[in-house]
N, C-alpha and C. Protein backbone atom coordinates (compact mmCIF):
# COMPACT_ATOMS: atom_id res chain seq x y z
N MET A 1 108.51 114.68 112.67
CA MET A 1 107.45 115.64 112.25
C MET A 1 106.11 115.05 112.62
N ALA A 2 105.29 115.93 113.18
CA ALA A 2 104.00 115.49 113.48
C ALA A 2 102.98 115.34 112.30
N GLU A 3 102.17 114.37 112.43
CA GLU A 3 101.20 113.92 111.52
C GLU A 3 100.08 115.01 111.38
N LYS A 4 99.66 115.38 110.29
CA LYS A 4 98.62 116.38 110.05
C LYS A 4 97.24 115.84 109.58
N ASN A 5 97.17 114.38 109.38
CA ASN A 5 96.09 113.83 108.98
C ASN A 5 95.01 113.85 110.05
N LYS A 6 93.75 113.88 109.60
CA LYS A 6 92.64 113.93 110.65
C LYS A 6 92.28 112.59 111.28
N TYR A 7 92.42 111.57 110.43
CA TYR A 7 92.11 110.00 111.12
C TYR A 7 93.22 109.13 111.00
N HIS A 8 93.07 108.34 112.01
CA HIS A 8 94.28 107.33 112.20
C HIS A 8 93.95 105.82 112.09
N THR A 9 94.90 104.93 111.82
CA THR A 9 94.58 103.58 111.80
C THR A 9 93.89 103.14 113.01
N GLY A 10 92.71 102.32 112.82
CA GLY A 10 91.90 101.74 113.77
C GLY A 10 90.87 102.59 114.19
N GLU A 11 90.77 103.84 113.75
CA GLU A 11 89.67 104.68 114.16
C GLU A 11 88.47 104.39 113.41
N VAL A 12 87.35 104.45 114.07
CA VAL A 12 85.97 104.30 113.39
C VAL A 12 85.52 105.70 112.96
N VAL A 13 85.06 105.63 111.75
CA VAL A 13 84.53 106.97 111.11
C VAL A 13 83.27 106.52 110.19
N ARG A 14 82.55 107.50 109.96
CA ARG A 14 81.43 107.42 109.19
C ARG A 14 81.52 107.94 107.72
N ILE A 15 81.15 107.11 106.69
CA ILE A 15 81.13 107.66 105.30
C ILE A 15 80.01 108.52 105.08
N LYS A 16 80.28 109.82 104.75
CA LYS A 16 79.22 110.67 104.71
C LYS A 16 78.17 110.31 103.80
N GLU A 17 78.45 109.90 102.51
CA GLU A 17 77.61 109.58 101.47
C GLU A 17 76.59 108.27 101.76
N THR A 18 77.08 107.36 102.49
CA THR A 18 76.15 106.27 102.80
C THR A 18 75.94 106.04 104.24
N ASN A 19 76.47 106.90 105.17
CA ASN A 19 76.30 106.91 106.63
C ASN A 19 76.69 105.56 107.17
N GLU A 20 77.58 104.91 106.51
CA GLU A 20 78.06 103.72 107.13
C GLU A 20 79.21 103.90 107.99
N LEU A 21 79.26 103.18 109.07
CA LEU A 21 80.47 103.24 109.91
C LEU A 21 81.67 102.12 109.51
N VAL A 22 82.77 102.74 109.29
CA VAL A 22 83.89 101.94 108.86
C VAL A 22 85.22 102.21 109.74
N THR A 23 86.16 101.26 109.69
CA THR A 23 87.43 101.37 110.47
C THR A 23 88.55 101.66 109.48
N ILE A 24 89.20 102.71 109.74
CA ILE A 24 90.47 103.06 108.95
C ILE A 24 91.49 102.01 109.09
N ASN A 25 91.82 101.50 107.83
CA ASN A 25 92.85 100.43 107.65
C ASN A 25 94.19 100.93 107.64
N LYS A 26 94.49 101.95 106.53
CA LYS A 26 95.60 102.57 106.18
C LYS A 26 95.49 103.86 105.75
N TRP A 27 96.47 104.72 105.87
CA TRP A 27 96.36 106.07 105.24
C TRP A 27 97.72 106.51 104.76
N GLN A 28 97.74 107.40 103.87
CA GLN A 28 99.01 107.84 103.29
C GLN A 28 98.64 109.34 102.72
N TYR A 29 99.68 110.07 102.57
CA TYR A 29 99.64 111.43 101.98
C TYR A 29 99.94 111.29 100.55
N VAL A 30 99.00 111.88 99.68
CA VAL A 30 99.20 111.82 98.26
C VAL A 30 99.87 113.18 97.81
N LYS A 31 101.10 113.27 97.61
CA LYS A 31 101.78 114.51 97.40
C LYS A 31 101.17 115.40 96.36
N ASN A 32 100.97 114.76 95.11
CA ASN A 32 100.45 115.61 93.91
C ASN A 32 99.15 116.17 94.27
N MET A 33 98.34 115.56 95.12
CA MET A 33 97.02 116.04 95.38
C MET A 33 96.97 116.94 96.67
N LYS A 34 98.05 116.81 97.36
CA LYS A 34 98.22 117.60 98.73
C LYS A 34 97.03 117.26 99.67
N ALA A 35 96.84 115.91 99.77
CA ALA A 35 95.66 115.35 100.60
C ALA A 35 95.98 113.97 101.05
N TYR A 36 95.27 113.56 102.07
CA TYR A 36 95.45 112.24 102.83
C TYR A 36 94.48 111.32 102.16
N SER A 37 94.92 110.13 101.79
CA SER A 37 93.89 109.08 101.33
C SER A 37 93.88 107.96 102.34
N TYR A 38 92.62 107.38 102.41
CA TYR A 38 92.65 106.19 103.40
C TYR A 38 91.96 105.02 102.76
N THR A 39 92.32 103.85 103.33
CA THR A 39 91.45 102.70 102.90
C THR A 39 90.89 102.20 104.13
N VAL A 40 89.72 101.58 104.03
CA VAL A 40 88.97 101.10 105.25
C VAL A 40 88.82 99.51 105.18
N LYS A 41 88.76 98.87 106.24
CA LYS A 41 88.67 97.38 106.41
C LYS A 41 87.47 96.85 105.76
N GLU A 42 86.39 97.52 105.75
CA GLU A 42 85.09 97.03 105.17
C GLU A 42 85.11 97.13 103.60
N HIS A 43 85.95 98.02 102.95
CA HIS A 43 85.94 98.26 101.68
C HIS A 43 87.41 98.47 101.14
N SER A 44 88.26 97.33 101.32
CA SER A 44 89.68 97.43 101.26
C SER A 44 90.26 97.89 99.69
N ALA A 45 89.35 97.60 98.65
CA ALA A 45 89.73 98.06 97.33
C ALA A 45 89.39 99.46 96.90
N THR A 46 88.75 100.25 97.88
CA THR A 46 88.52 101.52 97.64
C THR A 46 89.02 102.53 98.48
N PHE A 47 89.66 103.66 97.98
CA PHE A 47 90.18 104.65 98.91
C PHE A 47 89.27 105.85 98.94
N TYR A 48 89.51 106.58 99.93
CA TYR A 48 88.63 107.75 100.35
C TYR A 48 89.53 109.01 100.73
N PHE A 49 89.04 110.13 100.60
CA PHE A 49 89.75 111.25 101.23
C PHE A 49 89.13 111.84 102.44
N GLU A 50 89.75 112.67 103.15
CA GLU A 50 89.16 113.07 104.53
C GLU A 50 87.77 113.72 104.43
N ASP A 51 87.66 114.48 103.23
CA ASP A 51 86.34 115.12 103.27
C ASP A 51 85.09 114.24 103.05
N GLU A 52 85.44 112.92 102.67
CA GLU A 52 84.38 111.97 102.56
C GLU A 52 83.97 111.28 103.87
N PHE A 53 84.69 111.66 105.03
CA PHE A 53 84.29 111.03 106.22
C PHE A 53 83.76 112.10 107.24
N ALA A 54 83.10 111.58 108.15
CA ALA A 54 82.62 112.40 109.33
C ALA A 54 83.09 111.64 110.58
N ALA A 55 83.55 112.32 111.58
CA ALA A 55 83.94 111.65 112.84
C ALA A 55 82.74 110.94 113.49
N ASN A 56 82.92 109.97 114.10
CA ASN A 56 81.87 109.12 114.68
C ASN A 56 81.66 109.58 116.11
N ASN A 57 81.02 110.67 116.20
CA ASN A 57 80.74 111.29 117.64
C ASN A 57 79.38 111.10 118.11
């Protein structure tokens, strides 16, 4: 099955709220929320959802 998440491990993304560049550490699908959650290396105790990131283009 193909993954449908927008970001992948090792990818550098920007947190929209803080404009900080971070690196995706881990991701998983949260079934009851029907959304992907992510942890980042720079803030390993916090999780984020896809809509909180902007691609680093």
